[in-house]
């Protein structure tokens, strides 16, 4: 979902831009910036940003403000952490905006909905699983990657629908019929995509996944 700049009040969009700037500043402040000097990590981060950009440009659009595409934010968050996931999302959204797929004034709103929301949900769910769930590889893949990714996509869809309804862009009954009925497809597409990516990453390149630890999820199991 990429919002154009002409369907919301300008004052609201600029408020969202300010909030997004604060969120990004916090991400930079908390991020371990020394990792950017590691060639392997910086290349991974740049490549991930390009992949997210491509995913966000492969979309199915219905009406202004309503489109479907794989987010990929759960896999990205699990790979590089919440700080760099937000930074990569900001870079990908910048490319998508320059490509004309999103309104420039709506940049902050798009970043909050498509980036900050699923990243926050993924990181909170990861912490929950680490504290209360069994330390198991299948818990990591099925819960943290598949289920949380699907729920994140549904949360983004709900947030977008709520904004479109709150600002009277579309009526609630129209959104329910034309938009929300795609929830199952959105959930499974996002869940399967992120689950497959994370399964391959932890199997082939576990060193690329900062939230996966062999000693926690594999040793002694």
N, C-alpha and C. Protein backbone atom coordinates (compact mmCIF):
# COMPACT_ATOMS: atom_id res chain seq x y z
N UNK A 1 0.85 -1.18 0.00
CA UNK A 1 0.00 0.00 0.00
C UNK A 1 0.88 1.23 0.00
N UNK A 2 0.74 2.05 -1.02
CA UNK A 2 1.47 3.32 -1.10
C UNK A 2 0.45 4.44 -1.23
N UNK A 3 0.45 5.36 -0.29
CA UNK A 3 -0.51 6.45 -0.34
C UNK A 3 -0.02 7.56 -1.26
N UNK A 4 -0.88 8.08 -2.13
CA UNK A 4 -0.53 9.30 -2.88
C UNK A 4 -0.65 10.51 -1.97
N UNK A 5 -0.23 11.66 -2.48
CA UNK A 5 -0.19 12.87 -1.65
C UNK A 5 -1.49 13.65 -1.64
N UNK A 6 -2.44 13.28 -2.49
CA UNK A 6 -3.61 14.13 -2.67
C UNK A 6 -4.88 13.59 -2.05
N UNK A 7 -4.80 12.55 -1.23
CA UNK A 7 -6.03 12.00 -0.64
C UNK A 7 -6.13 12.29 0.86
N UNK A 8 -5.09 12.86 1.44
CA UNK A 8 -5.11 13.21 2.86
C UNK A 8 -4.81 14.70 3.00
N UNK A 9 -5.26 15.32 4.10
CA UNK A 9 -4.93 16.73 4.34
C UNK A 9 -3.41 16.93 4.44
N UNK A 10 -2.95 18.02 3.88
CA UNK A 10 -1.52 18.29 3.89
C UNK A 10 -0.97 18.42 5.31
N UNK A 11 -1.75 19.00 6.20
CA UNK A 11 -1.28 19.15 7.59
C UNK A 11 -1.04 17.79 8.23
N UNK A 12 -1.92 16.83 7.94
CA UNK A 12 -1.76 15.48 8.49
C UNK A 12 -0.52 14.81 7.91
N UNK A 13 -0.29 14.99 6.62
CA UNK A 13 0.88 14.38 5.98
C UNK A 13 2.18 14.96 6.54
N UNK A 14 2.21 16.26 6.77
CA UNK A 14 3.43 16.85 7.31
C UNK A 14 3.66 16.45 8.76
N UNK A 15 2.58 16.24 9.50
CA UNK A 15 2.72 15.72 10.86
C UNK A 15 3.30 14.30 10.82
N UNK A 16 2.82 13.50 9.87
CA UNK A 16 3.37 12.15 9.70
C UNK A 16 4.83 12.20 9.29
N UNK A 17 5.19 13.17 8.45
CA UNK A 17 6.60 13.33 8.06
C UNK A 17 7.47 13.64 9.27
N UNK A 18 6.98 14.50 10.15
CA UNK A 18 7.74 14.84 11.35
C UNK A 18 7.91 13.62 12.25
N UNK A 19 6.83 12.86 12.42
CA UNK A 19 6.91 11.66 13.26
C UNK A 19 7.86 10.63 12.65
N UNK A 20 7.79 10.46 11.33
CA UNK A 20 8.69 9.52 10.66
C UNK A 20 10.14 9.96 10.81
N UNK A 21 10.40 11.26 10.74
CA UNK A 21 11.76 11.77 10.93
C UNK A 21 12.27 11.45 12.33
N UNK A 22 11.41 11.60 13.33
CA UNK A 22 11.80 11.28 14.70
C UNK A 22 12.08 9.79 14.86
N UNK A 23 11.25 8.96 14.23
CA UNK A 23 11.46 7.51 14.29
C UNK A 23 12.78 7.13 13.64
N UNK A 24 13.06 7.71 12.48
CA UNK A 24 14.32 7.43 11.79
C UNK A 24 15.52 7.92 12.60
N UNK A 25 15.38 9.10 13.21
CA UNK A 25 16.47 9.62 14.04
C UNK A 25 16.74 8.68 15.22
N UNK A 26 15.68 8.15 15.81
CA UNK A 26 15.84 7.21 16.92
C UNK A 26 16.51 5.92 16.44
N UNK A 27 16.14 5.46 15.25
CA UNK A 27 16.76 4.25 14.70
C UNK A 27 18.25 4.46 14.48
N UNK A 28 18.63 5.62 13.93
CA UNK A 28 20.05 5.92 13.73
C UNK A 28 20.78 6.03 15.07
N UNK A 29 20.12 6.63 16.04
CA UNK A 29 20.75 6.82 17.35
C UNK A 29 21.01 5.49 18.04
N UNK A 30 20.07 4.55 17.92
CA UNK A 30 20.19 3.26 18.60
C UNK A 30 20.95 2.22 17.78
N UNK A 31 21.13 2.46 16.49
CA UNK A 31 21.77 1.46 15.64
C UNK A 31 23.26 1.34 15.94
N UNK A 32 23.79 0.13 15.91
CA UNK A 32 25.25 -0.05 16.04
C UNK A 32 25.94 0.35 14.74
N UNK A 33 26.24 1.64 14.60
CA UNK A 33 26.73 2.18 13.34
C UNK A 33 28.09 1.60 12.94
N UNK A 34 28.80 1.03 13.89
CA UNK A 34 30.10 0.43 13.55
C UNK A 34 29.93 -0.72 12.57
N UNK A 35 28.76 -1.32 12.53
CA UNK A 35 28.54 -2.44 11.61
C UNK A 35 28.58 -2.00 10.15
N UNK A 36 28.31 -0.72 9.91
CA UNK A 36 28.35 -0.23 8.53
C UNK A 36 29.76 -0.26 7.96
N UNK A 37 30.76 -0.33 8.83
CA UNK A 37 32.13 -0.42 8.34
C UNK A 37 32.51 -1.85 7.96
N UNK A 38 31.63 -2.80 8.27
CA UNK A 38 31.85 -4.19 7.86
C UNK A 38 31.33 -4.36 6.43
N UNK A 39 32.21 -4.72 5.52
CA UNK A 39 31.82 -4.83 4.11
C UNK A 39 30.67 -5.80 3.91
N UNK A 40 30.73 -6.94 4.56
CA UNK A 40 29.68 -7.95 4.37
C UNK A 40 28.32 -7.42 4.80
N UNK A 41 28.28 -6.73 5.95
CA UNK A 41 27.00 -6.23 6.44
C UNK A 41 26.49 -5.08 5.59
N UNK A 42 27.36 -4.15 5.23
CA UNK A 42 26.91 -3.01 4.42
C UNK A 42 26.41 -3.47 3.06
N UNK A 43 27.06 -4.47 2.46
CA UNK A 43 26.58 -5.01 1.20
C UNK A 43 25.24 -5.70 1.37
N UNK A 44 25.08 -6.43 2.47
CA UNK A 44 23.81 -7.09 2.75
C UNK A 44 22.69 -6.07 2.92
N UNK A 45 22.97 -5.00 3.64
CA UNK A 45 21.95 -3.97 3.88
C UNK A 45 21.55 -3.30 2.57
N UNK A 46 22.53 -2.97 1.73
CA UNK A 46 22.22 -2.34 0.45
C UNK A 46 21.42 -3.29 -0.44
N UNK A 47 21.84 -4.55 -0.51
CA UNK A 47 21.12 -5.52 -1.33
C UNK A 47 19.70 -5.72 -0.83
N UNK A 48 19.53 -5.76 0.49
CA UNK A 48 18.19 -5.91 1.05
C UNK A 48 17.31 -4.72 0.70
N UNK A 49 17.87 -3.53 0.72
CA UNK A 49 17.10 -2.33 0.35
C UNK A 49 16.64 -2.41 -1.10
N UNK A 50 17.50 -2.90 -1.98
CA UNK A 50 17.13 -3.05 -3.39
C UNK A 50 16.03 -4.09 -3.55
N UNK A 51 16.14 -5.20 -2.83
CA UNK A 51 15.11 -6.24 -2.91
C UNK A 51 13.76 -5.70 -2.43
N UNK A 52 13.76 -4.97 -1.32
CA UNK A 52 12.52 -4.38 -0.82
C UNK A 52 11.95 -3.39 -1.83
N UNK A 53 12.81 -2.60 -2.45
CA UNK A 53 12.36 -1.67 -3.49
C UNK A 53 11.67 -2.41 -4.62
N UNK A 54 12.26 -3.51 -5.07
CA UNK A 54 11.66 -4.29 -6.15
C UNK A 54 10.33 -4.89 -5.72
N UNK A 55 10.26 -5.40 -4.50
CA UNK A 55 9.01 -5.97 -4.01
C UNK A 55 7.91 -4.92 -3.96
N UNK A 56 8.25 -3.73 -3.50
CA UNK A 56 7.24 -2.68 -3.37
C UNK A 56 6.81 -2.10 -4.71
N UNK A 57 7.57 -2.40 -5.75
CA UNK A 57 7.17 -1.94 -7.08
C UNK A 57 6.43 -3.01 -7.86
N UNK A 58 6.38 -4.24 -7.33
CA UNK A 58 5.58 -5.31 -7.93
C UNK A 58 4.25 -5.34 -7.20
N UNK A 59 3.29 -4.64 -7.70
CA UNK A 59 2.05 -4.42 -6.97
C UNK A 59 0.83 -4.70 -7.83
N UNK A 60 -0.27 -4.91 -7.13
CA UNK A 60 -1.58 -5.00 -7.78
C UNK A 60 -2.41 -3.86 -7.24
N UNK A 61 -2.71 -2.87 -8.06
CA UNK A 61 -3.46 -1.70 -7.64
C UNK A 61 -4.93 -1.81 -7.97
N UNK A 62 -5.76 -1.29 -7.07
CA UNK A 62 -7.21 -1.29 -7.29
C UNK A 62 -7.70 0.13 -7.51
N UNK A 63 -7.45 1.00 -6.55
CA UNK A 63 -7.84 2.40 -6.59
C UNK A 63 -6.74 3.22 -5.92
N UNK A 64 -6.77 4.55 -6.04
CA UNK A 64 -5.75 5.37 -5.37
C UNK A 64 -5.68 5.07 -3.87
N UNK A 65 -4.48 4.81 -3.40
CA UNK A 65 -4.28 4.50 -1.99
C UNK A 65 -4.47 3.04 -1.65
N UNK A 66 -4.89 2.23 -2.62
CA UNK A 66 -5.15 0.82 -2.37
C UNK A 66 -4.34 -0.01 -3.36
N UNK A 67 -3.36 -0.71 -2.85
CA UNK A 67 -2.57 -1.62 -3.68
C UNK A 67 -2.04 -2.73 -2.79
N UNK A 68 -1.70 -3.84 -3.42
CA UNK A 68 -1.20 -4.99 -2.68
C UNK A 68 0.19 -5.35 -3.19
N UNK A 69 1.10 -5.59 -2.27
CA UNK A 69 2.43 -6.09 -2.62
C UNK A 69 3.05 -6.70 -1.38
N UNK A 70 4.00 -7.59 -1.59
CA UNK A 70 4.71 -8.20 -0.46
C UNK A 70 5.57 -7.14 0.22
N UNK A 71 5.50 -7.08 1.53
CA UNK A 71 6.27 -6.09 2.28
C UNK A 71 7.71 -6.53 2.52
N UNK A 72 7.89 -7.76 2.97
CA UNK A 72 9.23 -8.27 3.23
C UNK A 72 9.89 -7.72 4.48
N UNK A 73 9.14 -6.97 5.30
CA UNK A 73 9.76 -6.30 6.43
C UNK A 73 10.08 -7.24 7.58
N UNK A 74 9.32 -8.32 7.71
CA UNK A 74 9.62 -9.26 8.79
C UNK A 74 10.96 -9.94 8.56
N UNK A 75 11.17 -10.46 7.36
CA UNK A 75 12.45 -11.10 7.04
C UNK A 75 13.60 -10.10 7.19
N UNK A 76 13.39 -8.89 6.73
CA UNK A 76 14.43 -7.87 6.82
C UNK A 76 14.77 -7.56 8.28
N UNK A 77 13.75 -7.44 9.12
CA UNK A 77 13.98 -7.15 10.53
C UNK A 77 14.73 -8.28 11.22
N UNK A 78 14.35 -9.52 10.91
CA UNK A 78 15.03 -10.67 11.51
C UNK A 78 16.48 -10.77 11.04
N UNK A 79 16.76 -10.29 9.84
CA UNK A 79 18.11 -10.38 9.30
C UNK A 79 19.03 -9.29 9.84
N UNK A 80 18.57 -8.04 9.87
CA UNK A 80 19.48 -6.93 10.20
C UNK A 80 19.11 -6.19 11.47
N UNK A 81 18.01 -6.56 12.13
CA UNK A 81 17.59 -5.85 13.33
C UNK A 81 16.66 -4.70 13.01
N UNK A 82 15.94 -4.22 14.02
CA UNK A 82 14.90 -3.22 13.76
C UNK A 82 15.48 -1.88 13.30
N UNK A 83 16.66 -1.52 13.81
CA UNK A 83 17.24 -0.22 13.44
C UNK A 83 17.51 -0.16 11.94
N UNK A 84 18.25 -1.14 11.46
CA UNK A 84 18.64 -1.13 10.05
C UNK A 84 17.48 -1.52 9.14
N UNK A 85 16.50 -2.26 9.66
CA UNK A 85 15.31 -2.55 8.85
C UNK A 85 14.56 -1.27 8.52
N UNK A 86 14.45 -0.38 9.50
CA UNK A 86 13.79 0.91 9.25
C UNK A 86 14.60 1.76 8.27
N UNK A 87 15.90 1.75 8.43
CA UNK A 87 16.76 2.52 7.52
C UNK A 87 16.65 1.97 6.10
N UNK A 88 16.68 0.65 5.95
CA UNK A 88 16.53 0.04 4.62
C UNK A 88 15.16 0.34 4.04
N UNK A 89 14.12 0.32 4.87
CA UNK A 89 12.78 0.65 4.39
C UNK A 89 12.72 2.09 3.91
N UNK A 90 13.39 2.99 4.63
CA UNK A 90 13.42 4.39 4.22
C UNK A 90 14.10 4.55 2.86
N UNK A 91 15.19 3.82 2.64
CA UNK A 91 15.88 3.88 1.35
C UNK A 91 15.02 3.31 0.24
N UNK A 92 14.37 2.17 0.51
CA UNK A 92 13.52 1.55 -0.51
C UNK A 92 12.34 2.45 -0.85
N UNK A 93 11.74 3.06 0.17
CA UNK A 93 10.60 3.95 -0.07
C UNK A 93 11.03 5.19 -0.84
N UNK A 94 12.25 5.67 -0.58
CA UNK A 94 12.76 6.81 -1.35
C UNK A 94 12.84 6.46 -2.82
N UNK A 95 13.35 5.28 -3.13
CA UNK A 95 13.41 4.84 -4.52
C UNK A 95 12.04 4.69 -5.13
N UNK A 96 11.10 4.12 -4.37
CA UNK A 96 9.74 3.94 -4.88
C UNK A 96 9.06 5.28 -5.11
N UNK A 97 9.31 6.24 -4.23
CA UNK A 97 8.73 7.57 -4.38
C UNK A 97 9.31 8.28 -5.60
N UNK A 98 10.61 8.19 -5.79
CA UNK A 98 11.24 8.80 -6.96
C UNK A 98 10.77 8.16 -8.25
N UNK A 99 10.35 6.90 -8.16
CA UNK A 99 9.84 6.19 -9.33
C UNK A 99 8.38 6.53 -9.63
N UNK A 100 7.77 7.36 -8.77
CA UNK A 100 6.41 7.80 -9.01
C UNK A 100 5.34 6.89 -8.46
N UNK A 101 5.70 5.94 -7.60
CA UNK A 101 4.72 5.00 -7.07
C UNK A 101 4.11 5.46 -5.75
N UNK A 102 4.59 6.54 -5.19
CA UNK A 102 4.04 7.07 -3.95
C UNK A 102 4.22 8.58 -3.95
N UNK A 103 3.31 9.26 -3.26
CA UNK A 103 3.38 10.71 -3.20
C UNK A 103 4.54 11.18 -2.34
N UNK A 104 5.33 12.16 -2.79
CA UNK A 104 6.48 12.63 -2.01
C UNK A 104 6.09 13.22 -0.66
N UNK A 105 4.97 13.94 -0.60
CA UNK A 105 4.55 14.52 0.67
C UNK A 105 4.03 13.44 1.62
N UNK A 106 3.60 12.32 1.06
CA UNK A 106 3.11 11.19 1.88
C UNK A 106 4.23 10.24 2.27
N UNK A 107 5.48 10.65 2.07
CA UNK A 107 6.61 9.77 2.37
C UNK A 107 6.59 9.30 3.82
N UNK A 108 6.42 10.22 4.74
CA UNK A 108 6.43 9.86 6.15
C UNK A 108 5.31 8.91 6.52
N UNK A 109 4.12 9.17 6.01
CA UNK A 109 2.99 8.29 6.31
C UNK A 109 3.23 6.89 5.76
N UNK A 110 3.73 6.81 4.54
CA UNK A 110 4.03 5.51 3.96
C UNK A 110 5.10 4.77 4.76
N UNK A 111 6.11 5.49 5.22
CA UNK A 111 7.17 4.85 6.00
C UNK A 111 6.64 4.33 7.33
N UNK A 112 5.78 5.11 7.97
CA UNK A 112 5.22 4.67 9.25
C UNK A 112 4.34 3.43 9.08
N UNK A 113 3.51 3.43 8.03
CA UNK A 113 2.56 2.33 7.85
C UNK A 113 3.26 1.09 7.30
N UNK A 114 4.06 1.24 6.25
CA UNK A 114 4.67 0.07 5.59
C UNK A 114 6.00 -0.34 6.21
N UNK A 115 6.63 0.56 6.96
CA UNK A 115 7.92 0.24 7.55
C UNK A 115 7.87 0.09 9.05
N UNK A 116 7.57 1.18 9.75
CA UNK A 116 7.64 1.16 11.21
C UNK A 116 6.64 0.19 11.84
N UNK A 117 5.44 0.10 11.29
CA UNK A 117 4.43 -0.79 11.87
C UNK A 117 4.83 -2.26 11.81
N UNK A 118 5.14 -2.82 10.64
CA UNK A 118 5.54 -4.24 10.63
C UNK A 118 6.87 -4.50 11.32
N UNK A 119 7.80 -3.56 11.27
CA UNK A 119 9.08 -3.73 11.96
C UNK A 119 8.85 -3.81 13.48
N UNK A 120 8.03 -2.91 14.01
CA UNK A 120 7.75 -2.91 15.45
C UNK A 120 7.06 -4.20 15.87
N UNK A 121 6.09 -4.63 15.08
CA UNK A 121 5.38 -5.87 15.40
C UNK A 121 6.33 -7.07 15.38
N UNK A 122 7.19 -7.12 14.38
CA UNK A 122 8.15 -8.23 14.27
C UNK A 122 9.10 -8.26 15.46
N UNK A 123 9.63 -7.11 15.83
CA UNK A 123 10.60 -7.06 16.92
C UNK A 123 9.95 -7.39 18.26
N UNK A 124 8.72 -6.89 18.48
CA UNK A 124 8.02 -7.20 19.72
C UNK A 124 7.70 -8.70 19.81
N UNK A 125 7.28 -9.29 18.69
CA UNK A 125 6.97 -10.72 18.68
C UNK A 125 8.23 -11.56 18.89
N UNK A 126 9.35 -11.11 18.34
CA UNK A 126 10.62 -11.83 18.54
C UNK A 126 11.00 -11.83 20.01
N UNK A 127 10.89 -10.69 20.67
CA UNK A 127 11.21 -10.61 22.09
C UNK A 127 10.27 -11.49 22.91
N UNK A 128 9.00 -11.49 22.54
CA UNK A 128 8.03 -12.34 23.22
C UNK A 128 8.39 -13.81 23.08
N UNK A 129 8.74 -14.22 21.87
CA UNK A 129 9.09 -15.62 21.63
C UNK A 129 10.37 -16.01 22.37
N UNK A 130 11.34 -15.12 22.40
CA UNK A 130 12.60 -15.42 23.08
C UNK A 130 12.42 -15.59 24.58
N UNK A 131 11.44 -14.90 25.14
CA UNK A 131 11.23 -14.97 26.58
C UNK A 131 10.30 -16.11 27.00
N UNK A 132 9.31 -16.42 26.18
CA UNK A 132 8.25 -17.31 26.65
C UNK A 132 8.07 -18.58 25.82
N UNK A 133 8.63 -18.66 24.63
CA UNK A 133 8.42 -19.82 23.77
C UNK A 133 9.62 -20.76 23.84
N UNK A 134 9.42 -22.03 23.48
CA UNK A 134 10.55 -22.97 23.44
C UNK A 134 11.62 -22.50 22.45
N UNK A 135 12.87 -22.76 22.80
CA UNK A 135 13.98 -22.38 21.92
C UNK A 135 14.13 -23.45 20.85
N UNK A 136 13.41 -23.25 19.77
CA UNK A 136 13.29 -24.28 18.74
C UNK A 136 13.34 -23.64 17.36
N UNK A 137 14.01 -24.31 16.43
CA UNK A 137 14.12 -23.79 15.07
C UNK A 137 12.76 -23.57 14.43
N UNK A 138 11.83 -24.49 14.65
CA UNK A 138 10.51 -24.38 14.03
C UNK A 138 9.69 -23.24 14.62
N UNK A 139 9.90 -22.96 15.90
CA UNK A 139 9.25 -21.79 16.49
C UNK A 139 9.76 -20.52 15.81
N UNK A 140 11.06 -20.47 15.57
CA UNK A 140 11.65 -19.29 14.93
C UNK A 140 11.07 -19.09 13.53
N UNK A 141 11.01 -20.15 12.73
CA UNK A 141 10.56 -20.03 11.35
C UNK A 141 9.05 -19.86 11.26
N UNK A 142 8.31 -20.74 11.95
CA UNK A 142 6.86 -20.74 11.80
C UNK A 142 6.20 -19.57 12.52
N UNK A 143 6.71 -19.22 13.70
CA UNK A 143 6.11 -18.11 14.44
C UNK A 143 6.71 -16.78 14.02
N UNK A 144 8.03 -16.62 14.23
CA UNK A 144 8.66 -15.33 13.98
C UNK A 144 8.65 -14.92 12.52
N UNK A 145 8.80 -15.89 11.62
CA UNK A 145 8.87 -15.54 10.19
C UNK A 145 7.51 -15.64 9.51
N UNK A 146 6.85 -16.80 9.58
CA UNK A 146 5.60 -16.99 8.84
C UNK A 146 4.42 -16.27 9.49
N UNK A 147 4.09 -16.62 10.73
CA UNK A 147 2.89 -16.07 11.36
C UNK A 147 2.99 -14.57 11.57
N UNK A 148 4.10 -14.11 12.10
CA UNK A 148 4.25 -12.67 12.38
C UNK A 148 4.26 -11.87 11.08
N UNK A 149 4.87 -12.40 10.03
CA UNK A 149 4.85 -11.69 8.74
C UNK A 149 3.43 -11.54 8.23
N UNK A 150 2.64 -12.62 8.30
CA UNK A 150 1.25 -12.54 7.87
C UNK A 150 0.45 -11.56 8.69
N UNK A 151 0.63 -11.61 10.00
CA UNK A 151 -0.08 -10.67 10.87
C UNK A 151 0.36 -9.23 10.62
N UNK A 152 1.64 -9.05 10.32
CA UNK A 152 2.13 -7.71 10.01
C UNK A 152 1.48 -7.16 8.75
N UNK A 153 1.33 -8.00 7.73
CA UNK A 153 0.68 -7.56 6.50
C UNK A 153 -0.78 -7.21 6.75
N UNK A 154 -1.45 -8.01 7.57
CA UNK A 154 -2.84 -7.72 7.92
C UNK A 154 -2.93 -6.41 8.71
N UNK A 155 -1.98 -6.19 9.63
CA UNK A 155 -1.97 -4.95 10.40
C UNK A 155 -1.78 -3.74 9.50
N UNK A 156 -0.89 -3.85 8.52
CA UNK A 156 -0.68 -2.75 7.57
C UNK A 156 -1.95 -2.50 6.76
N UNK A 157 -2.60 -3.57 6.33
CA UNK A 157 -3.83 -3.43 5.56
C UNK A 157 -4.92 -2.78 6.40
N UNK A 158 -5.05 -3.20 7.65
CA UNK A 158 -6.04 -2.61 8.55
C UNK A 158 -5.75 -1.14 8.81
N UNK A 159 -4.48 -0.82 9.05
CA UNK A 159 -4.11 0.57 9.30
C UNK A 159 -4.42 1.44 8.09
N UNK A 160 -4.11 0.93 6.90
CA UNK A 160 -4.41 1.68 5.69
C UNK A 160 -5.90 1.88 5.51
N UNK A 161 -6.68 0.83 5.74
CA UNK A 161 -8.13 0.93 5.61
C UNK A 161 -8.69 1.92 6.62
N UNK A 162 -8.16 1.88 7.85
CA UNK A 162 -8.64 2.80 8.89
C UNK A 162 -8.36 4.25 8.51
N UNK A 163 -7.20 4.52 7.95
CA UNK A 163 -6.87 5.88 7.52
C UNK A 163 -7.76 6.33 6.37
N UNK A 164 -7.97 5.45 5.41
CA UNK A 164 -8.82 5.80 4.27
C UNK A 164 -10.25 6.05 4.70
N UNK A 165 -10.72 5.30 5.69
CA UNK A 165 -12.08 5.50 6.20
C UNK A 165 -12.15 6.75 7.07
N UNK A 166 -11.16 6.96 7.95
CA UNK A 166 -11.18 8.09 8.88
C UNK A 166 -11.18 9.42 8.15
N UNK A 167 -10.50 9.50 7.02
CA UNK A 167 -10.45 10.75 6.26
C UNK A 167 -11.45 10.77 5.11
N UNK A 168 -12.40 9.85 5.18
CA UNK A 168 -13.53 9.82 4.25
C UNK A 168 -13.09 9.70 2.79
N UNK A 169 -11.99 8.98 2.58
CA UNK A 169 -11.55 8.72 1.20
C UNK A 169 -12.44 7.66 0.57
N UNK A 170 -12.75 6.62 1.34
CA UNK A 170 -13.67 5.57 0.91
C UNK A 170 -14.60 5.25 2.07
N UNK A 171 -15.79 4.76 1.73
CA UNK A 171 -16.76 4.38 2.74
C UNK A 171 -16.40 3.01 3.33
N UNK A 172 -16.84 2.79 4.57
CA UNK A 172 -16.49 1.56 5.27
C UNK A 172 -17.01 0.32 4.55
N UNK A 173 -18.25 0.37 4.06
CA UNK A 173 -18.81 -0.81 3.39
C UNK A 173 -18.06 -1.10 2.09
N UNK A 174 -17.60 -0.05 1.41
CA UNK A 174 -16.85 -0.26 0.17
C UNK A 174 -15.49 -0.89 0.48
N UNK A 175 -14.84 -0.38 1.53
CA UNK A 175 -13.55 -0.95 1.92
C UNK A 175 -13.69 -2.42 2.33
N UNK A 176 -14.76 -2.72 3.06
CA UNK A 176 -14.98 -4.09 3.48
C UNK A 176 -15.17 -5.03 2.31
N UNK A 177 -15.85 -4.56 1.29
CA UNK A 177 -16.15 -5.42 0.14
C UNK A 177 -14.99 -5.49 -0.84
N UNK A 178 -14.37 -4.36 -1.12
CA UNK A 178 -13.35 -4.30 -2.17
C UNK A 178 -11.92 -4.51 -1.67
N UNK A 179 -11.72 -4.41 -0.39
CA UNK A 179 -10.36 -4.36 0.13
C UNK A 179 -10.09 -5.42 1.19
N UNK A 180 -10.90 -5.41 2.24
CA UNK A 180 -10.63 -6.28 3.37
C UNK A 180 -10.88 -7.75 3.07
N UNK A 181 -11.62 -8.04 2.03
CA UNK A 181 -11.87 -9.44 1.70
C UNK A 181 -10.60 -10.16 1.22
N UNK A 182 -9.57 -9.39 0.90
CA UNK A 182 -8.31 -9.99 0.46
C UNK A 182 -7.39 -10.35 1.62
N UNK A 183 -7.87 -10.23 2.84
CA UNK A 183 -7.04 -10.54 4.02
C UNK A 183 -6.38 -11.91 3.96
N UNK A 184 -7.12 -12.99 3.66
CA UNK A 184 -6.47 -14.31 3.63
C UNK A 184 -5.32 -14.38 2.62
N UNK A 185 -5.53 -13.79 1.44
CA UNK A 185 -4.48 -13.79 0.43
C UNK A 185 -3.28 -12.99 0.89
N UNK A 186 -3.53 -11.82 1.48
CA UNK A 186 -2.45 -10.97 1.99
C UNK A 186 -1.66 -11.71 3.07
N UNK A 187 -2.38 -12.36 3.98
CA UNK A 187 -1.74 -13.06 5.09
C UNK A 187 -0.83 -14.18 4.58
N UNK A 188 -1.36 -15.05 3.74
CA UNK A 188 -0.59 -16.21 3.31
C UNK A 188 0.54 -15.83 2.35
N UNK A 189 0.32 -14.86 1.49
CA UNK A 189 1.38 -14.44 0.58
C UNK A 189 2.57 -13.89 1.35
N UNK A 190 2.29 -13.02 2.32
CA UNK A 190 3.37 -12.44 3.12
C UNK A 190 4.03 -13.49 4.00
N UNK A 191 3.22 -14.33 4.62
CA UNK A 191 3.77 -15.35 5.50
C UNK A 191 4.65 -16.35 4.78
N UNK A 192 4.17 -16.84 3.64
CA UNK A 192 4.94 -17.82 2.88
C UNK A 192 6.23 -17.21 2.35
N UNK A 193 6.16 -15.99 1.81
CA UNK A 193 7.35 -15.35 1.25
C UNK A 193 8.42 -15.15 2.32
N UNK A 194 8.03 -14.60 3.46
CA UNK A 194 9.00 -14.36 4.53
C UNK A 194 9.48 -15.66 5.16
N UNK A 195 8.57 -16.61 5.32
CA UNK A 195 8.96 -17.90 5.89
C UNK A 195 9.97 -18.63 5.03
N UNK A 196 9.76 -18.62 3.72
CA UNK A 196 10.69 -19.28 2.81
C UNK A 196 12.05 -18.59 2.82
N UNK A 197 12.05 -17.27 2.80
CA UNK A 197 13.31 -16.54 2.81
C UNK A 197 14.11 -16.84 4.07
N UNK A 198 13.44 -16.81 5.22
CA UNK A 198 14.16 -17.02 6.47
C UNK A 198 14.62 -18.47 6.62
N UNK A 199 13.85 -19.41 6.10
CA UNK A 199 14.29 -20.81 6.13
C UNK A 199 15.57 -20.98 5.33
N UNK A 200 15.62 -20.37 4.14
CA UNK A 200 16.83 -20.45 3.32
C UNK A 200 18.00 -19.72 3.96
N UNK A 201 17.72 -18.57 4.56
CA UNK A 201 18.80 -17.79 5.16
C UNK A 201 19.45 -18.53 6.33
N UNK A 202 18.64 -19.08 7.23
CA UNK A 202 19.23 -19.74 8.39
C UNK A 202 19.87 -21.07 8.01
N UNK A 203 19.45 -21.64 6.88
CA UNK A 203 20.05 -22.91 6.43
C UNK A 203 21.34 -22.68 5.66
N UNK A 204 21.36 -21.63 4.83
CA UNK A 204 22.50 -21.41 3.94
C UNK A 204 23.43 -20.30 4.39
N UNK A 205 22.88 -19.24 4.98
CA UNK A 205 23.68 -18.10 5.40
C UNK A 205 23.26 -17.62 6.79
N UNK A 206 23.43 -18.45 7.81
CA UNK A 206 23.00 -18.03 9.15
C UNK A 206 23.75 -16.81 9.66
N UNK A 207 24.94 -16.57 9.14
CA UNK A 207 25.70 -15.40 9.58
C UNK A 207 25.07 -14.10 9.08
N UNK A 208 24.14 -14.18 8.14
CA UNK A 208 23.43 -13.00 7.66
C UNK A 208 22.21 -12.67 8.49
N UNK A 209 21.88 -13.50 9.45
CA UNK A 209 20.66 -13.32 10.25
C UNK A 209 21.07 -12.99 11.68
N UNK A 210 20.95 -11.74 12.05
CA UNK A 210 21.47 -11.30 13.35
C UNK A 210 20.63 -11.82 14.51
N UNK A 211 19.39 -12.23 14.26
CA UNK A 211 18.52 -12.69 15.36
C UNK A 211 18.53 -14.21 15.52
N UNK A 212 19.30 -14.91 14.69
CA UNK A 212 19.34 -16.37 14.77
C UNK A 212 20.66 -16.81 15.38
N UNK A 213 20.56 -17.67 16.39
CA UNK A 213 21.75 -18.17 17.09
C UNK A 213 21.66 -19.69 17.12
N UNK A 214 22.66 -20.35 16.53
CA UNK A 214 22.68 -21.82 16.52
C UNK A 214 22.59 -22.39 17.93
N UNK A 215 23.25 -21.75 18.88
CA UNK A 215 23.26 -22.28 20.24
C UNK A 215 21.88 -22.22 20.89
N UNK A 216 21.08 -21.25 20.49
CA UNK A 216 19.73 -21.11 21.05
C UNK A 216 18.74 -22.07 20.39
N UNK A 217 18.81 -22.16 19.06
CA UNK A 217 17.74 -22.85 18.33
C UNK A 217 18.09 -24.26 17.87
N UNK A 218 19.38 -24.62 17.82
CA UNK A 218 19.75 -25.91 17.25
C UNK A 218 20.51 -26.81 18.21
N UNK A 219 21.50 -26.29 18.90
CA UNK A 219 22.37 -27.14 19.71
C UNK A 219 21.58 -27.81 20.83
N UNK A 220 21.79 -29.13 20.95
CA UNK A 220 21.15 -29.88 22.01
C UNK A 220 19.70 -30.20 21.78
N UNK A 221 19.18 -29.87 20.59
CA UNK A 221 17.76 -30.14 20.31
C UNK A 221 17.59 -31.54 19.74
